Structures are given as structure tokens and as C-alpha cells.
Amino acid sequence: MQIRRAKLDDASGIAKVHVDCWRTTYKDIIPNDFLNNLSYEKRTVLWEGNIARKDNYVVIAENNEGEIIGFADAWKRETNVVKNSGDLTSIYLLEEYQGRGIGKKLLKDLFLHFKQLGYEKIFVDVLEENKTRFLYEYYGAKLVEAVQIKIGGKLLNELIYEWDNVDKVIERF
């Protein structure tokens, strides 16, 4: 298993993980019609754009066969006006690879990147029913706000977490 920076030709592998993870992570949370209509092709186009962005940092986890089994990305959202801060925008790992420390390695890689950029605060948005929020809490993220969003016609609670000290998070790894 290795963690490495994503390349443009990784987009389809990332897209497959993205769609598959949404279907398992958000089953019984987001309407099935919405999840069933997710498209590998559309997500591939999305990830080609995400990887090509100069301000977006995308890393992947590969298994020993070289297959993409997880990914994470980070950048500063346009809505983030906090000085010296960034956003953890996604982290997904195929269900059969969860609980093996791979998510922790992806998270660590992102935080080392944040440190390199000189960021002091990091934000992440997560659906209330997504178990990944407990990983964030374990590494010191504090809940700062809850908002309602609509996905697939369903109103959901989205939690906004903040880490206020990148170095303290890195020390926990």
C-alpha cells in the first residue's frame, strides 16, 4: 500500500472510488435514486478538473496491485476567507480497506501539506451521519457550526469542523 500524489491519469480510478464510497457511506442517508444515478464518467471529468487545478492537492492510496482504493484532497474554498487557512475537501476509502490505518495516512499527508503551505486553521464539512467525523474529532477537530443542505431532494445536517493548530494534529500521528 502506498500514498502518492495523484496524476491526471488517476482520475478514472478516483472517480470509481468516489462513486462506490458514496454508495456505501451514504446508503440510507442520501436517497437511493440519487446514489444510483451517480456516474463514473461524470466523476472522472470532475476529477480530471480537480487534479489539473494548481491550488488543489490530491493524494491517492493504492493497494499492492496498484489499484486506487482511496483518495483525499485539499484546497482553499472560495468561500473560506479566514487568513492562513485551508479546507480538507474530501477523504474517501473503499469500505473493505477501512479500519487499517489508511485513512489516517491520507489525513497525515494532507496535514503535512497544510503545514508546508503555512496554514494555521483547517476546515472540513461532513454530513452528520458520516462516521468519518469521528476520525476528525479524534484528531482534534472541533465542531463550529451545523447547517442544513439538500442532496437528492433530502434535507441533511452538515457539520463544519475546525482544527486550529496544524502542528498539534501532526503530533497526534
Protein backbone atom coordinates (compact mmCIF):
# COMPACT_ATOMS: atom_id res chain seq x y z
CA MET A 1 0.00 0.00 0.00
CA GLN A 2 1.30 3.42 -0.86
CA ILE A 3 0.13 7.03 -0.66
CA ARG A 4 1.17 9.30 -3.52
CA ARG A 5 0.20 12.48 -5.30
CA ALA A 6 -2.48 11.95 -7.92
CA LYS A 7 -1.72 12.26 -11.63
CA LEU A 8 -4.21 13.14 -14.35
CA ASP A 9 -4.50 9.53 -15.49
CA ASP A 10 -5.65 8.58 -11.98
CA ALA A 11 -8.95 10.44 -12.50
CA SER A 12 -11.00 7.38 -13.52
CA GLY A 13 -9.72 5.34 -10.55
CA ILE A 14 -10.51 8.18 -8.17
CA ALA A 15 -13.96 8.55 -9.75
CA LYS A 16 -14.70 4.85 -9.21
CA VAL A 17 -13.71 5.09 -5.53
CA HIS A 18 -15.72 8.31 -5.17
CA VAL A 19 -18.93 6.81 -6.57
CA ASP A 20 -18.52 3.47 -4.78
CA CYS A 21 -17.82 5.20 -1.46
CA TRP A 22 -20.84 7.47 -1.79
CA ARG A 23 -22.98 4.40 -2.42
CA THR A 24 -21.74 2.63 0.73
CA THR A 25 -21.11 5.59 3.04
CA TYR A 26 -24.38 7.36 2.32
CA LYS A 27 -26.66 4.33 1.90
CA ASP A 28 -29.85 5.04 3.88
CA ILE A 29 -28.67 8.66 4.36
CA ILE A 30 -28.95 10.08 0.84
CA PRO A 31 -31.87 8.88 -1.34
CA ASN A 32 -31.07 5.70 -3.30
CA ASP A 33 -32.26 7.28 -6.56
CA PHE A 34 -29.56 9.92 -6.22
CA LEU A 35 -26.86 7.38 -5.34
CA ASN A 36 -27.87 5.01 -8.14
CA ASN A 37 -27.62 7.83 -10.66
CA LEU A 38 -24.03 8.73 -9.79
CA SER A 39 -21.84 8.27 -12.86
CA TYR A 40 -18.24 7.09 -13.10
CA GLU A 41 -17.92 9.06 -16.33
CA LYS A 42 -19.15 12.35 -14.84
CA ARG A 43 -16.96 11.90 -11.75
CA THR A 44 -13.96 11.17 -14.00
CA VAL A 45 -14.47 14.54 -15.71
CA LEU A 46 -14.83 16.18 -12.28
CA TRP A 47 -11.57 14.61 -11.04
CA GLU A 48 -9.67 15.48 -14.20
CA GLY A 49 -10.53 19.09 -13.42
CA ASN A 50 -9.74 18.74 -9.72
CA ILE A 51 -6.33 17.18 -10.37
CA ALA A 52 -5.49 19.80 -13.01
CA ARG A 53 -6.19 22.68 -10.61
CA LYS A 54 -2.92 24.16 -9.38
CA ASP A 55 -4.42 25.04 -5.98
CA ASN A 56 -5.83 21.54 -5.36
CA TYR A 57 -3.73 18.90 -3.62
CA VAL A 58 -4.97 15.38 -4.41
CA VAL A 59 -3.42 12.21 -3.00
CA ILE A 60 -4.37 8.59 -3.55
CA ALA A 61 -3.92 5.33 -1.69
CA GLU A 62 -3.05 2.33 -3.83
CA ASN A 63 -3.16 -1.32 -2.80
CA ASN A 64 -0.27 -3.70 -3.55
CA GLU A 65 -1.74 -4.38 -7.01
CA GLY A 66 -1.59 -0.67 -7.88
CA GLU A 67 -5.36 -0.16 -7.72
CA ILE A 68 -6.68 3.09 -6.28
CA ILE A 69 -8.51 2.24 -3.05
CA GLY A 70 -8.84 5.71 -1.54
CA PHE A 71 -8.12 9.38 -2.03
CA ALA A 72 -8.13 12.73 -0.30
CA ASP A 73 -7.90 16.30 -1.47
CA ALA A 74 -7.46 19.75 -0.04
CA TRP A 75 -7.59 23.32 -1.24
CA LYS A 76 -8.92 26.66 -0.06
CA ARG A 77 -12.56 27.08 -0.99
CA GLU A 78 -13.61 30.40 -2.46
CA THR A 79 -15.99 30.83 0.49
CA ASN A 80 -13.13 30.45 3.00
CA VAL A 81 -12.00 33.97 3.87
CA VAL A 82 -10.03 33.04 7.00
CA LYS A 83 -6.37 34.06 6.75
CA ASN A 84 -3.79 31.21 6.76
CA SER A 85 -6.41 28.51 6.45
CA GLY A 86 -7.44 25.75 4.10
CA ASP A 87 -10.10 23.11 3.61
CA LEU A 88 -9.98 19.36 3.71
CA THR A 89 -12.46 18.87 0.90
CA SER A 90 -12.70 15.07 0.71
CA ILE A 91 -11.33 11.83 2.03
CA TYR A 92 -12.76 8.50 0.88
CA LEU A 93 -11.62 4.92 1.30
CA LEU A 94 -13.30 1.81 -0.08
CA GLU A 95 -15.26 0.07 2.66
CA GLU A 96 -13.19 -3.13 2.56
CA TYR A 97 -10.00 -1.14 3.31
CA GLN A 98 -11.38 0.86 6.23
CA GLY A 99 -10.06 0.22 9.73
CA ARG A 100 -6.50 -0.50 8.55
CA GLY A 101 -4.92 2.92 9.20
CA ILE A 102 -5.03 4.00 5.55
CA GLY A 103 -7.41 6.91 6.22
CA LYS A 104 -5.01 8.08 8.93
CA LYS A 105 -2.16 8.05 6.40
CA LEU A 106 -4.19 10.07 3.91
CA LEU A 107 -5.11 12.56 6.63
CA LYS A 108 -1.49 12.85 7.75
CA ASP A 109 -0.36 13.55 4.19
CA LEU A 110 -2.90 16.37 3.90
CA PHE A 111 -1.82 17.92 7.19
CA LEU A 112 1.86 17.82 6.20
CA HIS A 113 0.79 19.65 3.03
CA PHE A 114 -1.16 22.22 5.08
CA LYS A 115 1.93 22.79 7.25
CA GLN A 116 4.07 23.28 4.16
CA LEU A 117 1.62 25.97 3.00
CA GLY A 118 1.82 27.71 6.38
CA TYR A 119 -1.84 27.14 7.19
CA GLU A 120 -2.90 27.50 10.82
CA LYS A 121 -6.59 26.57 10.60
CA ILE A 122 -8.21 23.80 8.61
CA PHE A 123 -11.92 23.34 7.97
CA VAL A 124 -13.86 20.25 6.92
CA ASP A 125 -17.56 19.80 6.17
CA VAL A 126 -19.10 16.40 6.87
CA LEU A 127 -22.62 15.02 6.94
CA GLU A 128 -23.75 14.41 10.50
CA GLU A 129 -24.42 10.73 9.80
CA ASN A 130 -20.99 10.14 8.22
CA LYS A 131 -18.78 8.12 10.62
CA THR A 132 -15.64 9.86 9.29
CA ARG A 133 -16.47 12.77 11.58
CA PHE A 134 -15.27 10.65 14.50
CA LEU A 135 -11.83 10.39 12.86
CA TYR A 136 -11.75 14.17 12.60
CA GLU A 137 -12.81 14.52 16.22
CA TYR A 138 -10.14 12.03 17.32
CA TYR A 139 -7.52 14.22 15.67
CA GLY A 140 -8.77 17.31 17.47
CA ALA A 141 -11.32 18.86 15.12
CA LYS A 142 -13.91 20.97 16.94
CA LEU A 143 -17.46 21.42 15.76
CA VAL A 144 -18.01 25.09 14.92
CA GLU A 145 -21.28 25.12 13.02
CA ALA A 146 -24.12 22.98 11.72
CA VAL A 147 -26.04 23.85 8.58
CA GLN A 148 -28.72 22.17 6.53
CA ILE A 149 -28.09 21.20 2.93
CA LYS A 150 -30.18 19.39 0.36
CA ILE A 151 -28.86 16.38 -1.56
CA GLY A 152 -31.11 14.36 -3.81
CA GLY A 153 -34.10 16.29 -2.53
CA LYS A 154 -33.44 15.33 1.10
CA LEU A 155 -32.58 17.86 3.81
CA LEU A 156 -29.43 16.81 5.69
CA ASN A 157 -27.38 18.20 8.54
CA GLU A 158 -23.85 19.16 7.56
CA LEU A 159 -21.33 19.74 10.32
CA ILE A 160 -18.46 22.17 9.92
CA TYR A 161 -15.36 21.30 11.92
CA GLU A 162 -12.19 23.28 12.50
CA TRP A 163 -8.67 22.38 13.51
CA ASP A 164 -6.98 25.47 14.92
CA ASN A 165 -3.42 24.15 15.17
CA VAL A 166 -1.91 22.10 12.33
CA ASP A 167 1.18 21.19 14.37
CA LYS A 168 -0.91 19.65 17.15
CA VAL A 169 -2.70 17.46 14.62
CA ILE A 170 0.60 16.29 13.10
CA GLU A 171 1.91 15.44 16.59
CA ARG A 172 -1.01 13.03 17.04
CA PHE A 173 0.16 10.92 14.11
